[in-house]
């Protein structure tokens, strides 16, 4: 998948946090965190706190993901696990990795440079 394909996927992405459905303009971790803060953690009862722990409510196969994490990790988690918007393609073998650090580890330790 090329960067252009990833970007076109992002352009059509809707928020799947609970029943939201709002079109997402920015599928980077920072953009997703901004959306969550503005639309899902914007009242007195449900305030955003980076150090607070919570469950991911992104819909995965019709059910909330449910993974527990710090609020500050929601954006990166959604971008990498649910959207693949920060995924990277190995320039040697074309394998797809969820994050840059995974790709770098692959290049250092195991890439044989052949597409399988």
PDB file of N, CA and C in Angstrom:
ATOM      1  N   UNK A   1       0.856  -1.184   0.000  1.00  0.00           N
ATOM      2  CA  UNK A   1       0.000   0.000   0.000  1.00  0.00           C
ATOM      3  C   UNK A   1       0.893   1.235   0.000  1.00  0.00           C
ATOM      4  N   UNK A   2       0.677   2.133  -0.892  1.00  0.00           N
ATOM      5  CA  UNK A   2       1.496   3.335  -1.003  1.00  0.00           C
ATOM      6  C   UNK A   2       1.001   4.411  -0.043  1.00  0.00           C
ATOM      7  N   UNK A   3       1.814   5.446   0.141  1.00  0.00           N
ATOM      8  CA  UNK A   3       1.406   6.566   0.989  1.00  0.00           C
ATOM      9  C   UNK A   3       0.145   7.216   0.447  1.00  0.00           C
ATOM     10  N   UNK A   4       0.036   7.314  -0.872  1.00  0.00           N
ATOM     11  CA  UNK A   4      -1.164   7.909  -1.475  1.00  0.00           C
ATOM     12  C   UNK A   4      -2.399   7.089  -1.136  1.00  0.00           C
ATOM     13  N   UNK A   5      -2.262   5.766  -1.148  1.00  0.00           N
ATOM     14  CA  UNK A   5      -3.402   4.916  -0.803  1.00  0.00           C
ATOM     15  C   UNK A   5      -3.780   5.095   0.662  1.00  0.00           C
ATOM     16  N   UNK A   6      -2.761   5.204   1.539  1.00  0.00           N
ATOM     17  CA  UNK A   6      -3.058   5.435   2.951  1.00  0.00           C
ATOM     18  C   UNK A   6      -3.790   6.757   3.124  1.00  0.00           C
ATOM     19  N   UNK A   7      -3.331   7.801   2.428  1.00  0.00           N
ATOM     20  CA  UNK A   7      -3.971   9.106   2.548  1.00  0.00           C
ATOM     21  C   UNK A   7      -5.400   9.087   2.041  1.00  0.00           C
ATOM     22  N   UNK A   8      -5.687   8.369   0.963  1.00  0.00           N
ATOM     23  CA  UNK A   8      -7.056   8.327   0.457  1.00  0.00           C
ATOM     24  C   UNK A   8      -7.949   7.556   1.413  1.00  0.00           C
ATOM     25  N   UNK A   9      -7.394   6.542   2.092  1.00  0.00           N
ATOM     26  CA  UNK A   9      -8.157   5.810   3.100  1.00  0.00           C
ATOM     27  C   UNK A   9      -8.516   6.750   4.242  1.00  0.00           C
ATOM     28  N   UNK A  10      -7.543   7.559   4.662  1.00  0.00           N
ATOM     29  CA  UNK A  10      -7.778   8.498   5.747  1.00  0.00           C
ATOM     30  C   UNK A  10      -8.870   9.496   5.388  1.00  0.00           C
ATOM     31  N   UNK A  11      -8.891   9.950   4.158  1.00  0.00           N
ATOM     32  CA  UNK A  11      -9.840  10.982   3.746  1.00  0.00           C
ATOM     33  C   UNK A  11     -11.288  10.521   3.882  1.00  0.00           C
ATOM     34  N   UNK A  12     -11.531   9.231   3.824  1.00  0.00           N
ATOM     35  CA  UNK A  12     -12.885   8.702   3.915  1.00  0.00           C
ATOM     36  C   UNK A  12     -13.217   8.136   5.289  1.00  0.00           C
ATOM     37  N   UNK A  13     -12.345   8.300   6.255  1.00  0.00           N
ATOM     38  CA  UNK A  13     -12.524   7.673   7.556  1.00  0.00           C
ATOM     39  C   UNK A  13     -13.515   8.437   8.431  1.00  0.00           C
ATOM     40  N   UNK A  14     -14.402   7.698   9.060  1.00  0.00           N
ATOM     41  CA  UNK A  14     -15.317   8.263  10.050  1.00  0.00           C
ATOM     42  C   UNK A  14     -14.874   7.820  11.428  1.00  0.00           C
ATOM     43  N   UNK A  15     -15.194   8.621  12.425  1.00  0.00           N
ATOM     44  CA  UNK A  15     -14.902   8.253  13.799  1.00  0.00           C
ATOM     45  C   UNK A  15     -15.811   7.098  14.206  1.00  0.00           C
ATOM     46  N   UNK A  16     -15.210   6.050  14.723  1.00  0.00           N
ATOM     47  CA  UNK A  16     -15.967   4.889  15.187  1.00  0.00           C
ATOM     48  C   UNK A  16     -15.911   4.756  16.703  1.00  0.00           C
ATOM     49  N   UNK A  17     -15.655   5.874  17.381  1.00  0.00           N
ATOM     50  CA  UNK A  17     -15.657   5.896  18.843  1.00  0.00           C
ATOM     51  C   UNK A  17     -17.114   5.985  19.279  1.00  0.00           C
ATOM     52  N   UNK A  18     -17.631   4.915  19.807  1.00  0.00           N
ATOM     53  CA  UNK A  18     -19.048   4.880  20.161  1.00  0.00           C
ATOM     54  C   UNK A  18     -19.883   5.133  18.917  1.00  0.00           C
ATOM     55  N   UNK A  19     -20.973   5.884  19.066  1.00  0.00           N
ATOM     56  CA  UNK A  19     -21.859   6.128  17.920  1.00  0.00           C
ATOM     57  C   UNK A  19     -21.507   7.381  17.113  1.00  0.00           C
ATOM     58  N   UNK A  20     -20.313   7.940  17.269  1.00  0.00           N
ATOM     59  CA  UNK A  20     -19.958   9.243  16.700  1.00  0.00           C
ATOM     60  C   UNK A  20     -20.213   9.351  15.191  1.00  0.00           C
ATOM     61  N   UNK A  21     -19.436   8.678  14.373  1.00  0.00           N
ATOM     62  CA  UNK A  21     -19.603   8.733  12.926  1.00  0.00           C
ATOM     63  C   UNK A  21     -19.118  10.003  12.249  1.00  0.00           C
ATOM     64  N   UNK A  22     -18.529  10.934  13.001  1.00  0.00           N
ATOM     65  CA  UNK A  22     -18.059  12.200  12.447  1.00  0.00           C
ATOM     66  C   UNK A  22     -16.911  11.947  11.465  1.00  0.00           C
ATOM     67  N   UNK A  23     -16.902  12.624  10.301  1.00  0.00           N
ATOM     68  CA  UNK A  23     -15.791  12.438   9.358  1.00  0.00           C
ATOM     69  C   UNK A  23     -14.490  13.000   9.934  1.00  0.00           C
ATOM     70  N   UNK A  24     -13.439  12.221   9.860  1.00  0.00           N
ATOM     71  CA  UNK A  24     -12.149  12.628  10.404  1.00  0.00           C
ATOM     72  C   UNK A  24     -11.303  13.267   9.313  1.00  0.00           C
ATOM     73  N   UNK A  25     -10.801  14.454   9.579  1.00  0.00           N
ATOM     74  CA  UNK A  25      -9.963  15.173   8.626  1.00  0.00           C
ATOM     75  C   UNK A  25      -8.489  14.873   8.829  1.00  0.00           C
ATOM     76  N   UNK A  26      -8.115  14.459  10.037  1.00  0.00           N
ATOM     77  CA  UNK A  26      -6.712  14.251  10.387  1.00  0.00           C
ATOM     78  C   UNK A  26      -6.596  12.932  11.142  1.00  0.00           C
ATOM     79  N   UNK A  27      -6.024  11.928  10.504  1.00  0.00           N
ATOM     80  CA  UNK A  27      -5.915  10.597  11.111  1.00  0.00           C
ATOM     81  C   UNK A  27      -4.544  10.335  11.717  1.00  0.00           C
ATOM     82  N   UNK A  28      -3.801  11.416  11.996  1.00  0.00           N
ATOM     83  CA  UNK A  28      -2.545  11.257  12.723  1.00  0.00           C
ATOM     84  C   UNK A  28      -2.891  11.045  14.194  1.00  0.00           C
ATOM     85  N   UNK A  29      -1.959  10.514  14.987  1.00  0.00           N
ATOM     86  CA  UNK A  29      -2.244  10.373  16.418  1.00  0.00           C
ATOM     87  C   UNK A  29      -2.676  11.692  17.070  1.00  0.00           C
ATOM     88  N   UNK A  30      -2.004  12.790  16.726  1.00  0.00           N
ATOM     89  CA  UNK A  30      -2.364  14.092  17.304  1.00  0.00           C
ATOM     90  C   UNK A  30      -3.757  14.524  16.856  1.00  0.00           C
ATOM     91  N   UNK A  31      -4.076  14.334  15.583  1.00  0.00           N
ATOM     92  CA  UNK A  31      -5.394  14.701  15.065  1.00  0.00           C
ATOM     93  C   UNK A  31      -6.500  13.889  15.707  1.00  0.00           C
ATOM     94  N   UNK A  32      -6.267  12.605  15.906  1.00  0.00           N
ATOM     95  CA  UNK A  32      -7.264  11.747  16.553  1.00  0.00           C
ATOM     96  C   UNK A  32      -7.458  12.146  18.012  1.00  0.00           C
ATOM     97  N   UNK A  33      -6.369  12.463  18.704  1.00  0.00           N
ATOM     98  CA  UNK A  33      -6.481  12.922  20.093  1.00  0.00           C
ATOM     99  C   UNK A  33      -7.271  14.221  20.173  1.00  0.00           C
ATOM    100  N   UNK A  34      -7.012  15.141  19.241  1.00  0.00           N
ATOM    101  CA  UNK A  34      -7.777  16.403  19.222  1.00  0.00           C
ATOM    102  C   UNK A  34      -9.263  16.121  19.043  1.00  0.00           C
ATOM    103  N   UNK A  35      -9.611  15.231  18.110  1.00  0.00           N
ATOM    104  CA  UNK A  35     -11.020  14.892  17.886  1.00  0.00           C
ATOM    105  C   UNK A  35     -11.630  14.295  19.154  1.00  0.00           C
ATOM    106  N   UNK A  36     -10.943  13.354  19.778  1.00  0.00           N
ATOM    107  CA  UNK A  36     -11.477  12.734  20.997  1.00  0.00           C
ATOM    108  C   UNK A  36     -11.704  13.776  22.086  1.00  0.00           C
ATOM    109  N   UNK A  37     -10.733  14.665  22.279  1.00  0.00           N
ATOM    110  CA  UNK A  37     -10.863  15.709  23.307  1.00  0.00           C
ATOM    111  C   UNK A  37     -12.040  16.632  23.018  1.00  0.00           C
ATOM    112  N   UNK A  38     -12.208  17.002  21.750  1.00  0.00           N
ATOM    113  CA  UNK A  38     -13.257  17.953  21.379  1.00  0.00           C
ATOM    114  C   UNK A  38     -14.651  17.346  21.392  1.00  0.00           C
ATOM    115  N   UNK A  39     -14.782  16.110  20.950  1.00  0.00           N
ATOM    116  CA  UNK A  39     -16.113  15.525  20.777  1.00  0.00           C
ATOM    117  C   UNK A  39     -16.499  14.459  21.802  1.00  0.00           C
ATOM    118  N   UNK A  40     -15.534  13.896  22.499  1.00  0.00           N
ATOM    119  CA  UNK A  40     -15.858  12.780  23.384  1.00  0.00           C
ATOM    120  C   UNK A  40     -15.447  12.993  24.834  1.00  0.00           C
ATOM    121  N   UNK A  41     -14.586  13.944  25.100  1.00  0.00           N
ATOM    122  CA  UNK A  41     -14.127  14.217  26.460  1.00  0.00           C
ATOM    123  C   UNK A  41     -14.241  15.712  26.727  1.00  0.00           C
ATOM    124  N   UNK A  42     -15.420  16.262  26.471  1.00  0.00           N
ATOM    125  CA  UNK A  42     -15.576  17.714  26.503  1.00  0.00           C
ATOM    126  C   UNK A  42     -16.555  18.210  27.552  1.00  0.00           C
ATOM    127  N   UNK A  43     -16.919  17.361  28.511  1.00  0.00           N
ATOM    128  CA  UNK A  43     -17.853  17.842  29.524  1.00  0.00           C
ATOM    129  C   UNK A  43     -17.290  17.603  30.924  1.00  0.00           C
ATOM    130  N   UNK A  44     -17.962  18.136  31.911  1.00  0.00           N
ATOM    131  CA  UNK A  44     -17.493  18.074  33.298  1.00  0.00           C
ATOM    132  C   UNK A  44     -17.372  16.629  33.780  1.00  0.00           C
ATOM    133  N   UNK A  45     -18.273  15.779  33.361  1.00  0.00           N
ATOM    134  CA  UNK A  45     -18.281  14.388  33.810  1.00  0.00           C
ATOM    135  C   UNK A  45     -17.160  13.585  33.156  1.00  0.00           C
ATOM    136  N   UNK A  46     -16.833  13.899  31.940  1.00  0.00           N
ATOM    137  CA  UNK A  46     -15.889  13.094  31.170  1.00  0.00           C
ATOM    138  C   UNK A  46     -14.738  13.953  30.648  1.00  0.00           C
ATOM    139  N   UNK A  47     -13.923  14.483  31.547  1.00  0.00           N
ATOM    140  CA  UNK A  47     -12.803  15.341  31.153  1.00  0.00           C
ATOM    141  C   UNK A  47     -11.585  14.518  30.750  1.00  0.00           C
ATOM    142  N   UNK A  48     -10.841  15.019  29.779  1.00  0.00           N
ATOM    143  CA  UNK A  48      -9.608  14.373  29.322  1.00  0.00           C
ATOM    144  C   UNK A  48      -8.506  14.617  30.339  1.00  0.00           C
ATOM    145  N   UNK A  49      -7.813  13.571  30.698  1.00  0.00           N
ATOM    146  CA  UNK A  49      -6.636  13.659  31.557  1.00  0.00           C
ATOM    147  C   UNK A  49      -5.625  12.656  31.003  1.00  0.00           C
ATOM    148  N   UNK A  50      -4.495  13.136  30.489  1.00  0.00           N
ATOM    149  CA  UNK A  50      -3.501  12.263  29.859  1.00  0.00           C
ATOM    150  C   UNK A  50      -3.129  11.061  30.725  1.00  0.00           C
ATOM    151  N   UNK A  51      -3.115  11.241  32.042  1.00  0.00           N
ATOM    152  CA  UNK A  51      -2.663  10.192  32.960  1.00  0.00           C
ATOM    153  C   UNK A  51      -3.791   9.272  33.433  1.00  0.00           C
ATOM    154  N   UNK A  52      -4.995   9.569  33.034  1.00  0.00           N
ATOM    155  CA  UNK A  52      -6.123   8.717  33.421  1.00  0.00           C
ATOM    156  C   UNK A  52      -6.165   7.488  32.510  1.00  0.00           C
ATOM    157  N   UNK A  53      -6.589   6.362  33.059  1.00  0.00           N
ATOM    158  CA  UNK A  53      -6.715   5.136  32.272  1.00  0.00           C
ATOM    159  C   UNK A  53      -8.162   4.953  31.852  1.00  0.00           C
ATOM    160  N   UNK A  54      -8.343   4.398  30.664  1.00  0.00           N
ATOM    161  CA  UNK A  54      -9.687   4.137  30.170  1.00  0.00           C
ATOM    162  C   UNK A  54      -9.664   3.023  29.143  1.00  0.00           C
ATOM    163  N   UNK A  55     -10.839   2.671  28.663  1.00  0.00           N
ATOM    164  CA  UNK A  55     -10.977   1.610  27.672  1.00  0.00           C
ATOM    165  C   UNK A  55     -11.238   2.220  26.300  1.00  0.00           C
ATOM    166  N   UNK A  56     -10.560   1.720  25.297  1.00  0.00           N
ATOM    167  CA  UNK A  56     -10.777   2.189  23.931  1.00  0.00           C
ATOM    168  C   UNK A  56     -12.194   1.825  23.504  1.00  0.00           C
ATOM    169  N   UNK A  57     -12.931   2.819  23.036  1.00  0.00           N
ATOM    170  CA  UNK A  57     -14.316   2.621  22.607  1.00  0.00           C
ATOM    171  C   UNK A  57     -14.457   2.576  21.090  1.00  0.00           C
ATOM    172  N   UNK A  58     -13.339   2.494  20.371  1.00  0.00           N
ATOM    173  CA  UNK A  58     -13.382   2.414  18.914  1.00  0.00           C
ATOM    174  C   UNK A  58     -14.040   1.099  18.524  1.00  0.00           C
ATOM    175  N   UNK A  59     -14.991   1.170  17.631  1.00  0.00           N
ATOM    176  CA  UNK A  59     -15.719  -0.027  17.222  1.00  0.00           C
ATOM    177  C   UNK A  59     -14.846  -0.914  16.338  1.00  0.00           C
ATOM    178  N   UNK A  60     -14.669  -2.135  16.785  1.00  0.00           N
ATOM    179  CA  UNK A  60     -13.907  -3.124  16.026  1.00  0.00           C
ATOM    180  C   UNK A  60     -14.812  -4.324  15.806  1.00  0.00           C
ATOM    181  N   UNK A  61     -15.254  -4.521  14.582  1.00  0.00           N
ATOM    182  CA  UNK A  61     -16.148  -5.636  14.238  1.00  0.00           C
ATOM    183  C   UNK A  61     -17.466  -5.556  15.005  1.00  0.00           C
ATOM    184  N   UNK A  62     -17.985  -4.337  15.157  1.00  0.00           N
ATOM    185  CA  UNK A  62     -19.285  -4.149  15.789  1.00  0.00           C
ATOM    186  C   UNK A  62     -19.273  -4.068  17.303  1.00  0.00           C
ATOM    187  N   UNK A  63     -18.095  -4.174  17.916  1.00  0.00           N
ATOM    188  CA  UNK A  63     -17.978  -4.105  19.372  1.00  0.00           C
ATOM    189  C   UNK A  63     -16.851  -3.147  19.736  1.00  0.00           C
ATOM    190  N   UNK A  64     -16.950  -2.503  20.908  1.00  0.00           N
ATOM    191  CA  UNK A  64     -15.844  -1.638  21.328  1.00  0.00           C
ATOM    192  C   UNK A  64     -14.556  -2.449  21.481  1.00  0.00           C
ATOM    193  N   UNK A  65     -13.446  -1.867  21.108  1.00  0.00           N
ATOM    194  CA  UNK A  65     -12.137  -2.512  21.225  1.00  0.00           C
ATOM    195  C   UNK A  65     -11.906  -2.993  22.658  1.00  0.00           C
ATOM    196  N   UNK A  66     -12.068  -2.082  23.626  1.00  0.00           N
ATOM    197  CA  UNK A  66     -11.959  -2.446  25.032  1.00  0.00           C
ATOM    198  C   UNK A  66     -10.559  -2.502  25.599  1.00  0.00           C
ATOM    199  N   UNK A  67      -9.531  -2.210  24.816  1.00  0.00           N
ATOM    200  CA  UNK A  67      -8.162  -2.244  25.335  1.00  0.00           C
ATOM    201  C   UNK A  67      -7.972  -1.111  26.332  1.00  0.00           C
ATOM    202  N   UNK A  68      -7.414  -1.445  27.480  1.00  0.00           N
ATOM    203  CA  UNK A  68      -7.169  -0.439  28.511  1.00  0.00           C
ATOM    204  C   UNK A  68      -5.832   0.247  28.253  1.00  0.00           C
ATOM    205  N   UNK A  69      -5.832   1.581  28.415  1.00  0.00           N
ATOM    206  CA  UNK A  69      -4.608   2.359  28.216  1.00  0.00           C
ATOM    207  C   UNK A  69      -4.777   3.742  28.830  1.00  0.00           C
ATOM    208  N   UNK A  70      -3.688   4.487  28.875  1.00  0.00           N
ATOM    209  CA  UNK A  70      -3.756   5.883  29.288  1.00  0.00           C
ATOM    210  C   UNK A  70      -4.452   6.679  28.195  1.00  0.00           C
ATOM    211  N   UNK A  71      -5.191   7.712  28.603  1.00  0.00           N
ATOM    212  CA  UNK A  71      -5.868   8.559  27.617  1.00  0.00           C
ATOM    213  C   UNK A  71      -4.881   9.089  26.578  1.00  0.00           C
ATOM    214  N   UNK A  72      -3.669   9.454  27.036  1.00  0.00           N
ATOM    215  CA  UNK A  72      -2.692  10.021  26.111  1.00  0.00           C
ATOM    216  C   UNK A  72      -2.306   9.044  25.000  1.00  0.00           C
ATOM    217  N   UNK A  73      -2.571   7.765  25.171  1.00  0.00           N
ATOM    218  CA  UNK A  73      -2.238   6.768  24.166  1.00  0.00           C
ATOM    219  C   UNK A  73      -3.342   6.472  23.171  1.00  0.00           C
ATOM    220  N   UNK A  74      -4.536   7.030  23.390  1.00  0.00           N
ATOM    221  CA  UNK A  74      -5.664   6.725  22.502  1.00  0.00           C
ATOM    222  C   UNK A  74      -5.380   7.056  21.033  1.00  0.00           C
ATOM    223  N   UNK A  75      -4.859   8.244  20.766  1.00  0.00           N
ATOM    224  CA  UNK A  75      -4.626   8.665  19.383  1.00  0.00           C
ATOM    225  C   UNK A  75      -3.670   7.742  18.651  1.00  0.00           C
ATOM    226  N   UNK A  76      -2.552   7.420  19.290  1.00  0.00           N
ATOM    227  CA  UNK A  76      -1.562   6.541  18.665  1.00  0.00           C
ATOM    228  C   UNK A  76      -2.131   5.135  18.488  1.00  0.00           C
ATOM    229  N   UNK A  77      -2.863   4.650  19.487  1.00  0.00           N
ATOM    230  CA  UNK A  77      -3.479   3.323  19.411  1.00  0.00           C
ATOM    231  C   UNK A  77      -4.464   3.247  18.242  1.00  0.00           C
ATOM    232  N   UNK A  78      -5.350   4.226  18.136  1.00  0.00           N
ATOM    233  CA  UNK A  78      -6.351   4.217  17.057  1.00  0.00           C
ATOM    234  C   UNK A  78      -5.663   4.311  15.695  1.00  0.00           C
ATOM    235  N   UNK A  79      -4.683   5.223  15.589  1.00  0.00           N
ATOM    236  CA  UNK A  79      -3.973   5.393  14.314  1.00  0.00           C
ATOM    237  C   UNK A  79      -3.250   4.117  13.895  1.00  0.00           C
ATOM    238  N   UNK A  80      -2.588   3.457  14.833  1.00  0.00           N
ATOM    239  CA  UNK A  80      -1.800   2.279  14.455  1.00  0.00           C
ATOM    240  C   UNK A  80      -2.626   1.009  14.370  1.00  0.00           C
ATOM    241  N   UNK A  81      -3.485   0.754  15.352  1.00  0.00           N
ATOM    242  CA  UNK A  81      -4.217  -0.516  15.407  1.00  0.00           C
ATOM    243  C   UNK A  81      -5.470  -0.508  14.540  1.00  0.00           C
ATOM    244  N   UNK A  82      -6.280   0.541  14.656  1.00  0.00           N
ATOM    245  CA  UNK A  82      -7.578   0.542  13.984  1.00  0.00           C
ATOM    246  C   UNK A  82      -7.541   1.132  12.572  1.00  0.00           C
ATOM    247  N   UNK A  83      -6.723   2.153  12.352  1.00  0.00           N
ATOM    248  CA  UNK A  83      -6.717   2.816  11.044  1.00  0.00           C
ATOM    249  C   UNK A  83      -5.512   2.482  10.176  1.00  0.00           C
ATOM    250  N   UNK A  84      -4.430   2.102  10.793  1.00  0.00           N
ATOM    251  CA  UNK A  84      -3.216   1.857  10.018  1.00  0.00           C
ATOM    252  C   UNK A  84      -2.667   3.125   9.393  1.00  0.00           C
ATOM    253  N   UNK A  85      -3.058   4.284   9.925  1.00  0.00           N
ATOM    254  CA  UNK A  85      -2.667   5.550   9.300  1.00  0.00           C
ATOM    255  C   UNK A  85      -1.224   5.935   9.570  1.00  0.00           C
ATOM    256  N   UNK A  86      -0.566   5.257  10.492  1.00  0.00           N
ATOM    257  CA  UNK A  86       0.853   5.529  10.701  1.00  0.00           C
ATOM    258  C   UNK A  86       1.684   4.322  10.279  1.00  0.00           C
ATOM    259  N   UNK A  87       1.067   3.439   9.520  1.00  0.00           N
ATOM    260  CA  UNK A  87       1.790   2.251   9.064  1.00  0.00           C
ATOM    261  C   UNK A  87       2.854   2.652   8.045  1.00  0.00           C
ATOM    262  N   UNK A  88       3.864   1.829   7.964  1.00  0.00           N
ATOM    263  CA  UNK A  88       4.983   2.068   7.060  1.00  0.00           C
ATOM    264  C   UNK A  88       5.246   0.806   6.250  1.00  0.00           C
ATOM    265  N   UNK A  89       5.705   0.987   5.028  1.00  0.00           N
ATOM    266  CA  UNK A  89       6.029  -0.119   4.135  1.00  0.00           C
ATOM    267  C   UNK A  89       7.551  -0.254   4.046  1.00  0.00           C
ATOM    268  N   UNK A  90       8.046  -1.470   4.192  1.00  0.00           N
ATOM    269  CA  UNK A  90       9.483  -1.716   4.071  1.00  0.00           C
ATOM    270  C   UNK A  90       9.911  -1.457   2.628  1.00  0.00           C
ATOM    271  N   UNK A  91      10.919  -0.609   2.429  1.00  0.00           N
ATOM    272  CA  UNK A  91      11.366  -0.306   1.066  1.00  0.00           C
ATOM    273  C   UNK A  91      12.101  -1.475   0.409  1.00  0.00           C
ATOM    274  N   UNK A  92      12.494  -2.460   1.194  1.00  0.00           N
ATOM    275  CA  UNK A  92      13.225  -3.609   0.650  1.00  0.00           C
ATOM    276  C   UNK A  92      12.319  -4.783   0.283  1.00  0.00           C
ATOM    277  N   UNK A  93      11.300  -5.057   1.123  1.00  0.00           N
ATOM    278  CA  UNK A  93      10.502  -6.274   0.905  1.00  0.00           C
ATOM    279  C   UNK A  93       8.997  -6.021   0.813  1.00  0.00           C
ATOM    280  N   UNK A  94       8.563  -4.774   0.976  1.00  0.00           N
ATOM    281  CA  UNK A  94       7.155  -4.375   0.861  1.00  0.00           C
ATOM    282  C   UNK A  94       6.244  -4.875   1.982  1.00  0.00           C
ATOM    283  N   UNK A  95       6.792  -5.399   3.066  1.00  0.00           N
ATOM    284  CA  UNK A  95       5.945  -5.769   4.200  1.00  0.00           C
ATOM    285  C   UNK A  95       5.440  -4.500   4.886  1.00  0.00           C
ATOM    286  N   UNK A  96       4.237  -4.571   5.433  1.00  0.00           N
ATOM    287  CA  UNK A  96       3.611  -3.428   6.097  1.00  0.00           C
ATOM    288  C   UNK A  96       3.787  -3.563   7.607  1.00  0.00           C
ATOM    289  N   UNK A  97       4.145  -2.456   8.256  1.00  0.00           N
ATOM    290  CA  UNK A  97       4.338  -2.424   9.697  1.00  0.00           C
ATOM    291  C   UNK A  97       3.469  -1.339  10.304  1.00  0.00           C
ATOM    292  N   UNK A  98       2.921  -1.619  11.475  1.00  0.00           N
ATOM    293  CA  UNK A  98       1.990  -0.696  12.120  1.00  0.00           C
ATOM    294  C   UNK A  98       2.656   0.619  12.505  1.00  0.00           C
ATOM    295  N   UNK A  99       3.950   0.555  12.861  1.00  0.00           N
ATOM    296  CA  UNK A  99       4.621   1.768  13.316  1.00  0.00           C
ATOM    297  C   UNK A  99       6.049   1.822  12.780  1.00  0.00           C
ATOM    298  N   UNK A 100       6.616   3.007  12.792  1.00  0.00           N
ATOM    299  CA  UNK A 100       7.973   3.217  12.299  1.00  0.00           C
ATOM    300  C   UNK A 100       8.990   2.417  13.111  1.00  0.00           C
ATOM    301  N   UNK A 101       8.822   2.340  14.428  1.00  0.00           N
ATOM    302  CA  UNK A 101       9.796   1.600  15.227  1.00  0.00           C
ATOM    303  C   UNK A 101       9.793   0.113  14.864  1.00  0.00           C
ATOM    304  N   UNK A 102       8.643  -0.426  14.503  1.00  0.00           N
ATOM    305  CA  UNK A 102       8.571  -1.826  14.068  1.00  0.00           C
ATOM    306  C   UNK A 102       9.322  -2.016  12.749  1.00  0.00           C
ATOM    307  N   UNK A 103       9.147  -1.074  11.835  1.00  0.00           N
ATOM    308  CA  UNK A 103       9.869  -1.141  10.563  1.00  0.00           C
ATOM    309  C   UNK A 103      11.375  -1.052  10.795  1.00  0.00           C
ATOM    310  N   UNK A 104      11.810  -0.131  11.644  1.00  0.00           N
ATOM    311  CA  UNK A 104      13.241   0.027  11.904  1.00  0.00           C
ATOM    312  C   UNK A 104      13.842  -1.244  12.506  1.00  0.00           C
ATOM    313  N   UNK A 105      13.120  -1.862  13.431  1.00  0.00           N
ATOM    314  CA  UNK A 105      13.583  -3.118  14.027  1.00  0.00           C
ATOM    315  C   UNK A 105      13.693  -4.209  12.951  1.00  0.00           C
ATOM    316  N   UNK A 106      12.685  -4.293  12.092  1.00  0.00           N
ATOM    317  CA  UNK A 106      12.677  -5.253  10.986  1.00  0.00           C
ATOM    318  C   UNK A 106      13.894  -5.038  10.081  1.00  0.00           C
ATOM    319  N   UNK A 107      14.175  -3.796   9.725  1.00  0.00           N
ATOM    320  CA  UNK A 107      15.306  -3.494   8.848  1.00  0.00           C
ATOM    321  C   UNK A 107      16.637  -3.873   9.500  1.00  0.00           C
ATOM    322  N   UNK A 108      16.760  -3.625  10.799  1.00  0.00           N
ATOM    323  CA  UNK A 108      17.996  -3.951  11.520  1.00  0.00           C
ATOM    324  C   UNK A 108      18.183  -5.454  11.717  1.00  0.00           C
ATOM    325  N   UNK A 109      17.088  -6.154  12.011  1.00  0.00           N
ATOM    326  CA  UNK A 109      17.228  -7.531  12.482  1.00  0.00           C
ATOM    327  C   UNK A 109      16.862  -8.622  11.489  1.00  0.00           C
ATOM    328  N   UNK A 110      15.898  -8.388  10.616  1.00  0.00           N
ATOM    329  CA  UNK A 110      15.411  -9.555   9.882  1.00  0.00           C
ATOM    330  C   UNK A 110      15.089  -9.374   8.401  1.00  0.00           C
ATOM    331  N   UNK A 111      15.117  -8.172   7.876  1.00  0.00           N
ATOM    332  CA  UNK A 111      14.725  -8.001   6.473  1.00  0.00           C
ATOM    333  C   UNK A 111      15.742  -8.652   5.542  1.00  0.00           C
ATOM    334  N   UNK A 112      15.222  -9.479   4.671  1.00  0.00           N
ATOM    335  CA  UNK A 112      16.079 -10.140   3.685  1.00  0.00           C
ATOM    336  C   UNK A 112      15.945  -9.480   2.321  1.00  0.00           C
ATOM    337  N   UNK A 113      15.094  -8.463   2.240  1.00  0.00           N
ATOM    338  CA  UNK A 113      14.979  -7.698   1.008  1.00  0.00           C
ATOM    339  C   UNK A 113      14.224  -8.358  -0.119  1.00  0.00           C
ATOM    340  N   UNK A 114      13.461  -9.383   0.199  1.00  0.00           N
ATOM    341  CA  UNK A 114      12.715 -10.090  -0.838  1.00  0.00           C
ATOM    342  C   UNK A 114      11.244 -10.093  -0.475  1.00  0.00           C
ATOM    343  N   UNK A 115      10.411  -9.692  -1.399  1.00  0.00           N
ATOM    344  CA  UNK A 115       8.971  -9.714  -1.179  1.00  0.00           C
ATOM    345  C   UNK A 115       8.485 -11.159  -1.175  1.00  0.00           C
ATOM    346  N   UNK A 116       7.708 -11.509  -0.140  1.00  0.00           N
ATOM    347  CA  UNK A 116       7.226 -12.890   0.000  1.00  0.00           C
ATOM    348  C   UNK A 116       5.750 -12.969  -0.267  1.00  0.00           C
TER     349      UNK A 116
END
